[in-house]
Amino acid sequence: MPRKKSTRTRIAGKRKTSKRKSKAKNKFGMFYVNGHVQILNVAVALLIFGILSVQILGWAGRVGKQNNQGAQTSQISDATKRKFITTILPVAQKQQKQYKVLTSITLAQAALESDWGQSQLAAQYHNLFGVKSSTASAKALTTKEYVNGQWITVTANFAVYDSWTESIEAHTRLFVQGTAWDSQHYQSVLNASNYQEAAQALQTKGYATDPDYAAKLISLIQTYKLNKYDNLSEINTNK
């Protein structure tokens, strides 16, 4: 009788050991179960990892692009901007005195469109306002235009001037003489009582393709206090 009792104890012990081994085989989770690799689970995990990687890389690329654009903008020093304003201020105020084109508008347009005189078109060909031309002396350059709700890069022929003064005078003539189809096209710009009205008139008349053109001009004028030069008593000042 004692032997039989001992035998049952050993058998029970073996069964418990077997259960522990079975549990050990299932410890590997979703990727490895009962000694077999779960291919479907591995594939799903790799797919999720790939999607997350693409999203992270895309986010990093956008941040890098934004930082790079910010760095390019900050490359133009305040000293360079002040020098640019000082250089073209006398002729801009002269145009206001003779033709009522607000000095602040001329300065802001020139700064915005020529990148403070640093663009190739302004530096090499003295074209401050991106004026296009069909003459033999025109230079073909690339530019960005807003078409059908998006910015695109196009190649166009641009006018060449002997000086920034000549460029500003030609810019004034456009406002005074109008376009080939409407001699009064820009009269609302000349009749504006302040720079906000003038900037909005330019946008309304389709001067530029940029839908934010007026807002950008106003922002420049306010940031650099260019409207103080609309007071013609400031002529020949370097403030």
C-alpha atoms as a PDB file:
ATOM      1  CA  MET A   1       0.000   0.000   0.000  1.00  0.00           C
ATOM      2  CA  PRO A   2       2.703   2.592   0.820  1.00  0.00           C
ATOM      3  CA  ARG A   3       4.294   1.903  -2.604  1.00  0.00           C
ATOM      4  CA  LYS A   4       1.119   2.805  -4.473  1.00  0.00           C
ATOM      5  CA  LYS A   5       0.878   6.078  -2.588  1.00  0.00           C
ATOM      6  CA  SER A   6       4.468   6.947  -3.528  1.00  0.00           C
ATOM      7  CA  THR A   7       3.743   6.169  -7.187  1.00  0.00           C
ATOM      8  CA  ARG A   8       0.785   8.553  -7.335  1.00  0.00           C
ATOM      9  CA  THR A   9       2.925  11.316  -5.856  1.00  0.00           C
ATOM     10  CA  ARG A  10       5.587  10.918  -8.527  1.00  0.00           C
ATOM     11  CA  ILE A  11       3.005  10.939 -11.326  1.00  0.00           C
ATOM     12  CA  ALA A  12       1.436  14.109  -9.986  1.00  0.00           C
ATOM     13  CA  GLY A  13       4.857  15.702  -9.870  1.00  0.00           C
ATOM     14  CA  LYS A  14       5.493  14.867 -13.500  1.00  0.00           C
ATOM     15  CA  ARG A  15       2.179  16.413 -14.550  1.00  0.00           C
ATOM     16  CA  LYS A  16       3.019  19.664 -12.776  1.00  0.00           C
ATOM     17  CA  THR A  17       6.386  19.804 -14.525  1.00  0.00           C
ATOM     18  CA  SER A  18       4.692  19.277 -17.873  1.00  0.00           C
ATOM     19  CA  LYS A  19       2.356  22.222 -17.277  1.00  0.00           C
ATOM     20  CA  ARG A  20       5.270  24.472 -16.396  1.00  0.00           C
ATOM     21  CA  LYS A  21       7.025  23.545 -19.649  1.00  0.00           C
ATOM     22  CA  SER A  22       3.848  24.273 -21.615  1.00  0.00           C
ATOM     23  CA  LYS A  23       3.613  27.699 -20.042  1.00  0.00           C
ATOM     24  CA  ALA A  24       7.261  28.364 -20.816  1.00  0.00           C
ATOM     25  CA  LYS A  25       6.634  27.746 -24.513  1.00  0.00           C
ATOM     26  CA  ASN A  26       3.962  30.483 -24.543  1.00  0.00           C
ATOM     27  CA  LYS A  27       6.163  33.094 -22.871  1.00  0.00           C
ATOM     28  CA  PHE A  28       7.437  34.536 -26.169  1.00  0.00           C
ATOM     29  CA  GLY A  29       4.162  36.429 -26.806  1.00  0.00           C
ATOM     30  CA  MET A  30       2.757  37.548 -30.157  1.00  0.00           C
ATOM     31  CA  PHE A  31       5.889  36.955 -32.281  1.00  0.00           C
ATOM     32  CA  TYR A  32       6.845  33.427 -31.148  1.00  0.00           C
ATOM     33  CA  VAL A  33       4.219  30.978 -29.844  1.00  0.00           C
ATOM     34  CA  ASN A  34       4.691  27.277 -29.100  1.00  0.00           C
ATOM     35  CA  GLY A  35       7.969  27.242 -30.947  1.00  0.00           C
ATOM     36  CA  HIS A  36       6.584  28.872 -34.106  1.00  0.00           C
ATOM     37  CA  VAL A  37       7.220  32.369 -35.494  1.00  0.00           C
ATOM     38  CA  GLN A  38       3.959  34.284 -35.986  1.00  0.00           C
ATOM     39  CA  ILE A  39       4.622  35.697 -39.470  1.00  0.00           C
ATOM     40  CA  LEU A  40       1.395  37.709 -39.692  1.00  0.00           C
ATOM     41  CA  ASN A  41       2.058  39.473 -36.400  1.00  0.00           C
ATOM     42  CA  VAL A  42       5.632  40.258 -37.417  1.00  0.00           C
ATOM     43  CA  ALA A  43       4.430  41.686 -40.746  1.00  0.00           C
ATOM     44  CA  VAL A  44       1.858  43.904 -39.028  1.00  0.00           C
ATOM     45  CA  ALA A  45       4.476  45.200 -36.588  1.00  0.00           C
ATOM     46  CA  LEU A  46       6.898  46.001 -39.413  1.00  0.00           C
ATOM     47  CA  LEU A  47       4.141  47.819 -41.324  1.00  0.00           C
ATOM     48  CA  ILE A  48       3.286  49.968 -38.291  1.00  0.00           C
ATOM     49  CA  PHE A  49       6.970  50.727 -37.739  1.00  0.00           C
ATOM     50  CA  GLY A  50       7.358  51.758 -41.385  1.00  0.00           C
ATOM     51  CA  ILE A  51       4.361  54.103 -41.259  1.00  0.00           C
ATOM     52  CA  LEU A  52       5.618  55.754 -38.077  1.00  0.00           C
ATOM     53  CA  SER A  53       9.101  56.154 -39.583  1.00  0.00           C
ATOM     54  CA  VAL A  54       7.719  57.901 -42.680  1.00  0.00           C
ATOM     55  CA  GLN A  55       5.649  60.269 -40.544  1.00  0.00           C
ATOM     56  CA  ILE A  56       8.611  61.117 -38.323  1.00  0.00           C
ATOM     57  CA  LEU A  57      10.887  61.753 -41.311  1.00  0.00           C
ATOM     58  CA  GLY A  58       8.222  63.920 -42.957  1.00  0.00           C
ATOM     59  CA  TRP A  59       7.816  65.985 -39.799  1.00  0.00           C
ATOM     60  CA  ALA A  60      11.582  66.397 -39.499  1.00  0.00           C
ATOM     61  CA  GLY A  61      11.777  67.502 -43.142  1.00  0.00           C
ATOM     62  CA  ARG A  62       9.095  70.147 -42.670  1.00  0.00           C
ATOM     63  CA  VAL A  63      10.791  71.505 -39.565  1.00  0.00           C
ATOM     64  CA  GLY A  64      14.138  71.595 -41.382  1.00  0.00           C
ATOM     65  CA  LYS A  65      12.612  73.444 -44.327  1.00  0.00           C
ATOM     66  CA  GLN A  66      10.981  76.007 -42.037  1.00  0.00           C
ATOM     67  CA  ASN A  67      14.222  76.539 -40.142  1.00  0.00           C
ATOM     68  CA  ASN A  68      16.130  76.940 -43.397  1.00  0.00           C
ATOM     69  CA  GLN A  69      13.670  79.539 -44.674  1.00  0.00           C
ATOM     70  CA  GLY A  70      13.971  81.412 -41.404  1.00  0.00           C
ATOM     71  CA  ALA A  71      17.751  81.347 -41.676  1.00  0.00           C
ATOM     72  CA  GLN A  72      17.649  82.755 -45.220  1.00  0.00           C
ATOM     73  CA  THR A  73      15.379  85.616 -44.135  1.00  0.00           C
ATOM     74  CA  SER A  74      17.595  86.473 -41.193  1.00  0.00           C
ATOM     75  CA  GLN A  75      20.688  86.670 -43.418  1.00  0.00           C
ATOM     76  CA  ILE A  76      19.797  90.242 -44.391  1.00  0.00           C
ATOM     77  CA  SER A  77      21.028  92.409 -41.549  1.00  0.00           C
ATOM     78  CA  ASP A  78      19.287  95.488 -40.197  1.00  0.00           C
ATOM     79  CA  ALA A  79      22.279  97.531 -41.344  1.00  0.00           C
ATOM     80  CA  THR A  80      21.757  96.344 -44.930  1.00  0.00           C
ATOM     81  CA  LYS A  81      18.066  97.208 -44.753  1.00  0.00           C
ATOM     82  CA  ARG A  82      18.773 100.684 -43.388  1.00  0.00           C
ATOM     83  CA  LYS A  83      21.338 101.289 -46.114  1.00  0.00           C
ATOM     84  CA  PHE A  84      18.841 100.218 -48.763  1.00  0.00           C
ATOM     85  CA  ILE A  85      16.185 102.611 -47.439  1.00  0.00           C
ATOM     86  CA  THR A  86      18.678 105.458 -47.173  1.00  0.00           C
ATOM     87  CA  THR A  87      19.823 104.889 -50.766  1.00  0.00           C
ATOM     88  CA  ILE A  88      16.423 104.998 -52.445  1.00  0.00           C
ATOM     89  CA  LEU A  89      14.636 107.368 -50.039  1.00  0.00           C
ATOM     90  CA  PRO A  90      15.421 110.667 -51.854  1.00  0.00           C
ATOM     91  CA  VAL A  91      14.105 109.496 -55.216  1.00  0.00           C
ATOM     92  CA  ALA A  92      11.068 107.846 -53.582  1.00  0.00           C
ATOM     93  CA  GLN A  93      10.121 111.088 -51.841  1.00  0.00           C
ATOM     94  CA  LYS A  94      10.686 113.018 -55.049  1.00  0.00           C
ATOM     95  CA  GLN A  95       8.144 110.760 -56.773  1.00  0.00           C
ATOM     96  CA  GLN A  96       5.639 111.433 -54.011  1.00  0.00           C
ATOM     97  CA  LYS A  97       6.125 115.186 -54.268  1.00  0.00           C
ATOM     98  CA  GLN A  98       5.656 115.182 -58.038  1.00  0.00           C
ATOM     99  CA  TYR A  99       3.149 112.358 -58.603  1.00  0.00           C
ATOM    100  CA  LYS A 100       1.561 111.526 -55.208  1.00  0.00           C
ATOM    101  CA  VAL A 101       2.942 107.995 -54.978  1.00  0.00           C
ATOM    102  CA  LEU A 102       3.364 107.535 -51.224  1.00  0.00           C
ATOM    103  CA  THR A 103       7.000 107.108 -50.247  1.00  0.00           C
ATOM    104  CA  SER A 104       6.160 104.281 -47.855  1.00  0.00           C
ATOM    105  CA  ILE A 105       4.536 102.325 -50.680  1.00  0.00           C
ATOM    106  CA  THR A 106       7.535 102.768 -52.988  1.00  0.00           C
ATOM    107  CA  LEU A 107       9.948 101.736 -50.220  1.00  0.00           C
ATOM    108  CA  ALA A 108       7.896  98.727 -49.146  1.00  0.00           C
ATOM    109  CA  GLN A 109       7.358  97.480 -52.697  1.00  0.00           C
ATOM    110  CA  ALA A 110      11.041  97.841 -53.505  1.00  0.00           C
ATOM    111  CA  ALA A 111      12.094  96.048 -50.313  1.00  0.00           C
ATOM    112  CA  LEU A 112       9.601  93.218 -50.760  1.00  0.00           C
ATOM    113  CA  GLU A 113      10.163  92.579 -54.451  1.00  0.00           C
ATOM    114  CA  SER A 114      13.946  93.001 -54.536  1.00  0.00           C
ATOM    115  CA  ASP A 115      14.674  91.352 -51.178  1.00  0.00           C
ATOM    116  CA  TRP A 116      16.067  94.657 -49.900  1.00  0.00           C
ATOM    117  CA  GLY A 117      18.100  95.128 -53.071  1.00  0.00           C
ATOM    118  CA  GLN A 118      19.820  91.747 -52.715  1.00  0.00           C
ATOM    119  CA  SER A 119      18.093  89.792 -55.490  1.00  0.00           C
ATOM    120  CA  GLN A 120      19.974  89.107 -58.715  1.00  0.00           C
ATOM    121  CA  LEU A 121      17.471  91.186 -60.669  1.00  0.00           C
ATOM    122  CA  ALA A 122      18.007  94.196 -58.398  1.00  0.00           C
ATOM    123  CA  ALA A 123      21.733  93.855 -57.776  1.00  0.00           C
ATOM    124  CA  GLN A 124      22.840  93.125 -61.349  1.00  0.00           C
ATOM    125  CA  TYR A 125      20.111  94.683 -63.478  1.00  0.00           C
ATOM    126  CA  HIS A 126      18.774  97.444 -61.156  1.00  0.00           C
ATOM    127  CA  ASN A 127      15.206  96.173 -61.498  1.00  0.00           C
ATOM    128  CA  LEU A 128      13.657  96.706 -58.062  1.00  0.00           C
ATOM    129  CA  PHE A 129      10.051  95.815 -58.860  1.00  0.00           C
ATOM    130  CA  GLY A 130      10.236  92.716 -61.030  1.00  0.00           C
ATOM    131  CA  VAL A 131       9.108  94.620 -64.121  1.00  0.00           C
ATOM    132  CA  LYS A 132       8.879  92.375 -67.182  1.00  0.00           C
ATOM    133  CA  SER A 133       9.916  93.456 -70.664  1.00  0.00           C
ATOM    134  CA  SER A 134       9.922  92.289 -74.270  1.00  0.00           C
ATOM    135  CA  THR A 135      12.828  94.507 -75.363  1.00  0.00           C
ATOM    136  CA  ALA A 136      16.090  93.146 -76.726  1.00  0.00           C
ATOM    137  CA  SER A 137      17.952  94.102 -73.553  1.00  0.00           C
ATOM    138  CA  ALA A 138      15.628  92.088 -71.281  1.00  0.00           C
ATOM    139  CA  LYS A 139      17.106  89.263 -69.209  1.00  0.00           C
ATOM    140  CA  ALA A 140      15.456  85.862 -68.800  1.00  0.00           C
ATOM    141  CA  LEU A 141      15.267  84.860 -65.135  1.00  0.00           C
ATOM    142  CA  THR A 142      13.142  82.560 -62.998  1.00  0.00           C
ATOM    143  CA  THR A 143      10.539  83.930 -60.623  1.00  0.00           C
ATOM    144  CA  LYS A 144       7.691  82.653 -58.465  1.00  0.00           C
ATOM    145  CA  GLU A 145       4.081  83.468 -59.299  1.00  0.00           C
ATOM    146  CA  TYR A 146       0.817  82.546 -57.605  1.00  0.00           C
ATOM    147  CA  VAL A 147      -1.364  80.750 -60.164  1.00  0.00           C
ATOM    148  CA  ASN A 148      -4.550  78.736 -59.584  1.00  0.00           C
ATOM    149  CA  GLY A 149      -4.100  78.661 -55.829  1.00  0.00           C
ATOM    150  CA  GLN A 150      -0.451  77.636 -55.722  1.00  0.00           C
ATOM    151  CA  TRP A 151       3.050  79.047 -56.125  1.00  0.00           C
ATOM    152  CA  ILE A 152       4.876  78.011 -59.290  1.00  0.00           C
ATOM    153  CA  THR A 153       8.301  78.832 -60.728  1.00  0.00           C
ATOM    154  CA  VAL A 154       8.306  80.410 -64.184  1.00  0.00           C
ATOM    155  CA  THR A 155      10.904  81.895 -66.512  1.00  0.00           C
ATOM    156  CA  ALA A 156      10.241  85.415 -67.771  1.00  0.00           C
ATOM    157  CA  ASN A 157      12.044  88.310 -69.460  1.00  0.00           C
ATOM    158  CA  PHE A 158      12.725  91.231 -67.128  1.00  0.00           C
ATOM    159  CA  ALA A 159      13.580  94.858 -67.825  1.00  0.00           C
ATOM    160  CA  VAL A 160      17.127  96.095 -67.291  1.00  0.00           C
ATOM    161  CA  TYR A 161      17.795  99.587 -65.887  1.00  0.00           C
ATOM    162  CA  ASP A 162      20.933 101.654 -65.513  1.00  0.00           C
ATOM    163  CA  SER A 163      20.201 102.491 -61.881  1.00  0.00           C
ATOM    164  CA  TRP A 164      17.706 102.049 -59.062  1.00  0.00           C
ATOM    165  CA  THR A 165      16.618 105.635 -59.663  1.00  0.00           C
ATOM    166  CA  GLU A 166      15.609 104.749 -63.224  1.00  0.00           C
ATOM    167  CA  SER A 167      13.746 101.702 -61.941  1.00  0.00           C
ATOM    168  CA  ILE A 168      11.762 103.779 -59.419  1.00  0.00           C
ATOM    169  CA  GLU A 169      10.922 106.414 -62.033  1.00  0.00           C
ATOM    170  CA  ALA A 170       9.618 103.719 -64.398  1.00  0.00           C
ATOM    171  CA  HIS A 171       7.572 102.287 -61.529  1.00  0.00           C
ATOM    172  CA  THR A 172       5.983 105.697 -60.937  1.00  0.00           C
ATOM    173  CA  ARG A 173       5.172 106.105 -64.645  1.00  0.00           C
ATOM    174  CA  LEU A 174       3.182 102.884 -64.530  1.00  0.00           C
ATOM    175  CA  PHE A 175       0.963 104.314 -61.799  1.00  0.00           C
ATOM    176  CA  VAL A 176       0.624 107.698 -63.489  1.00  0.00           C
ATOM    177  CA  GLN A 177       0.126 106.534 -67.083  1.00  0.00           C
ATOM    178  CA  GLY A 178      -1.715 103.309 -66.327  1.00  0.00           C
ATOM    179  CA  THR A 179      -1.738 100.196 -68.467  1.00  0.00           C
ATOM    180  CA  ALA A 180      -2.097  99.779 -72.220  1.00  0.00           C
ATOM    181  CA  TRP A 181      -5.774  98.902 -71.753  1.00  0.00           C
ATOM    182  CA  ASP A 182      -6.621 101.413 -69.006  1.00  0.00           C
ATOM    183  CA  SER A 183      -4.824 104.721 -68.509  1.00  0.00           C
ATOM    184  CA  GLN A 184      -6.635 105.227 -65.171  1.00  0.00           C
ATOM    185  CA  HIS A 185      -5.914 101.743 -63.869  1.00  0.00           C
ATOM    186  CA  TYR A 186      -3.846 102.828 -60.846  1.00  0.00           C
ATOM    187  CA  GLN A 187      -5.536 106.146 -60.041  1.00  0.00           C
ATOM    188  CA  SER A 188      -6.883 104.672 -56.810  1.00  0.00           C
ATOM    189  CA  VAL A 189      -3.285 104.132 -55.694  1.00  0.00           C
ATOM    190  CA  LEU A 190      -2.401 107.765 -56.373  1.00  0.00           C
ATOM    191  CA  ASN A 191      -5.589 109.007 -54.704  1.00  0.00           C
ATOM    192  CA  ALA A 192      -5.131 106.942 -51.532  1.00  0.00           C
ATOM    193  CA  SER A 193      -5.029 109.014 -48.355  1.00  0.00           C
ATOM    194  CA  ASN A 194      -2.764 106.568 -46.496  1.00  0.00           C
ATOM    195  CA  TYR A 195      -0.542 103.556 -47.078  1.00  0.00           C
ATOM    196  CA  GLN A 196      -3.231 101.036 -46.062  1.00  0.00           C
ATOM    197  CA  GLU A 197      -5.570 102.306 -48.770  1.00  0.00           C
ATOM    198  CA  ALA A 198      -2.765 102.406 -51.328  1.00  0.00           C
ATOM    199  CA  ALA A 199      -1.652  98.852 -50.533  1.00  0.00           C
ATOM    200  CA  GLN A 200      -5.190  97.546 -50.827  1.00  0.00           C
ATOM    201  CA  ALA A 201      -5.702  99.441 -54.089  1.00  0.00           C
ATOM    202  CA  LEU A 202      -2.629  97.739 -55.547  1.00  0.00           C
ATOM    203  CA  GLN A 203      -4.038  94.342 -54.664  1.00  0.00           C
ATOM    204  CA  THR A 204      -7.514  95.186 -55.942  1.00  0.00           C
ATOM    205  CA  LYS A 205      -6.073  96.323 -59.274  1.00  0.00           C
ATOM    206  CA  GLY A 206      -4.110  93.098 -59.656  1.00  0.00           C
ATOM    207  CA  TYR A 207      -0.638  94.607 -59.425  1.00  0.00           C
ATOM    208  CA  ALA A 208       0.785  91.326 -58.082  1.00  0.00           C
ATOM    209  CA  THR A 209      -0.328  87.679 -58.171  1.00  0.00           C
ATOM    210  CA  ASP A 210       0.398  87.194 -54.456  1.00  0.00           C
ATOM    211  CA  PRO A 211      -2.966  87.058 -52.599  1.00  0.00           C
ATOM    212  CA  ASP A 212      -1.252  88.468 -49.484  1.00  0.00           C
ATOM    213  CA  TYR A 213       0.515  91.304 -51.294  1.00  0.00           C
ATOM    214  CA  ALA A 214      -1.299  94.162 -49.523  1.00  0.00           C
ATOM    215  CA  ALA A 215      -0.869  92.563 -46.108  1.00  0.00           C
ATOM    216  CA  LYS A 216       2.864  92.101 -46.701  1.00  0.00           C
ATOM    217  CA  LEU A 217       3.321  95.727 -47.742  1.00  0.00           C
ATOM    218  CA  ILE A 218       1.425  96.979 -44.706  1.00  0.00           C
ATOM    219  CA  SER A 219       3.435  94.708 -42.415  1.00  0.00           C
ATOM    220  CA  LEU A 220       6.736  96.005 -43.824  1.00  0.00           C
ATOM    221  CA  ILE A 221       5.648  99.626 -43.483  1.00  0.00           C
ATOM    222  CA  GLN A 222       4.554  99.137 -39.889  1.00  0.00           C
ATOM    223  CA  THR A 223       7.578  97.056 -38.877  1.00  0.00           C
ATOM    224  CA  TYR A 224      10.113  99.568 -40.197  1.00  0.00           C
ATOM    225  CA  LYS A 225       7.953 102.671 -39.652  1.00  0.00           C
ATOM    226  CA  LEU A 226       8.244 103.626 -43.320  1.00  0.00           C
ATOM    227  CA  ASN A 227       5.108 105.760 -43.188  1.00  0.00           C
ATOM    228  CA  LYS A 228       7.071 108.480 -41.366  1.00  0.00           C
ATOM    229  CA  TYR A 229       8.682 109.242 -44.725  1.00  0.00           C
ATOM    230  CA  ASP A 230       5.291 110.093 -46.209  1.00  0.00           C
ATOM    231  CA  ASN A 231       5.724 113.392 -44.398  1.00  0.00           C
ATOM    232  CA  LEU A 232       7.719 115.270 -47.019  1.00  0.00           C
ATOM    233  CA  SER A 233       9.441 117.352 -44.362  1.00  0.00           C
ATOM    234  CA  GLU A 234      11.583 114.224 -43.929  1.00  0.00           C
ATOM    235  CA  ILE A 235      13.222 114.768 -47.333  1.00  0.00           C
ATOM    236  CA  ASN A 236      16.997 114.275 -47.291  1.00  0.00           C
ATOM    237  CA  THR A 237      16.933 112.828 -43.760  1.00  0.00           C
ATOM    238  CA  ASN A 238      18.798 109.666 -42.864  1.00  0.00           C
ATOM    239  CA  LYS A 239      16.692 108.784 -39.812  1.00  0.00           C
END
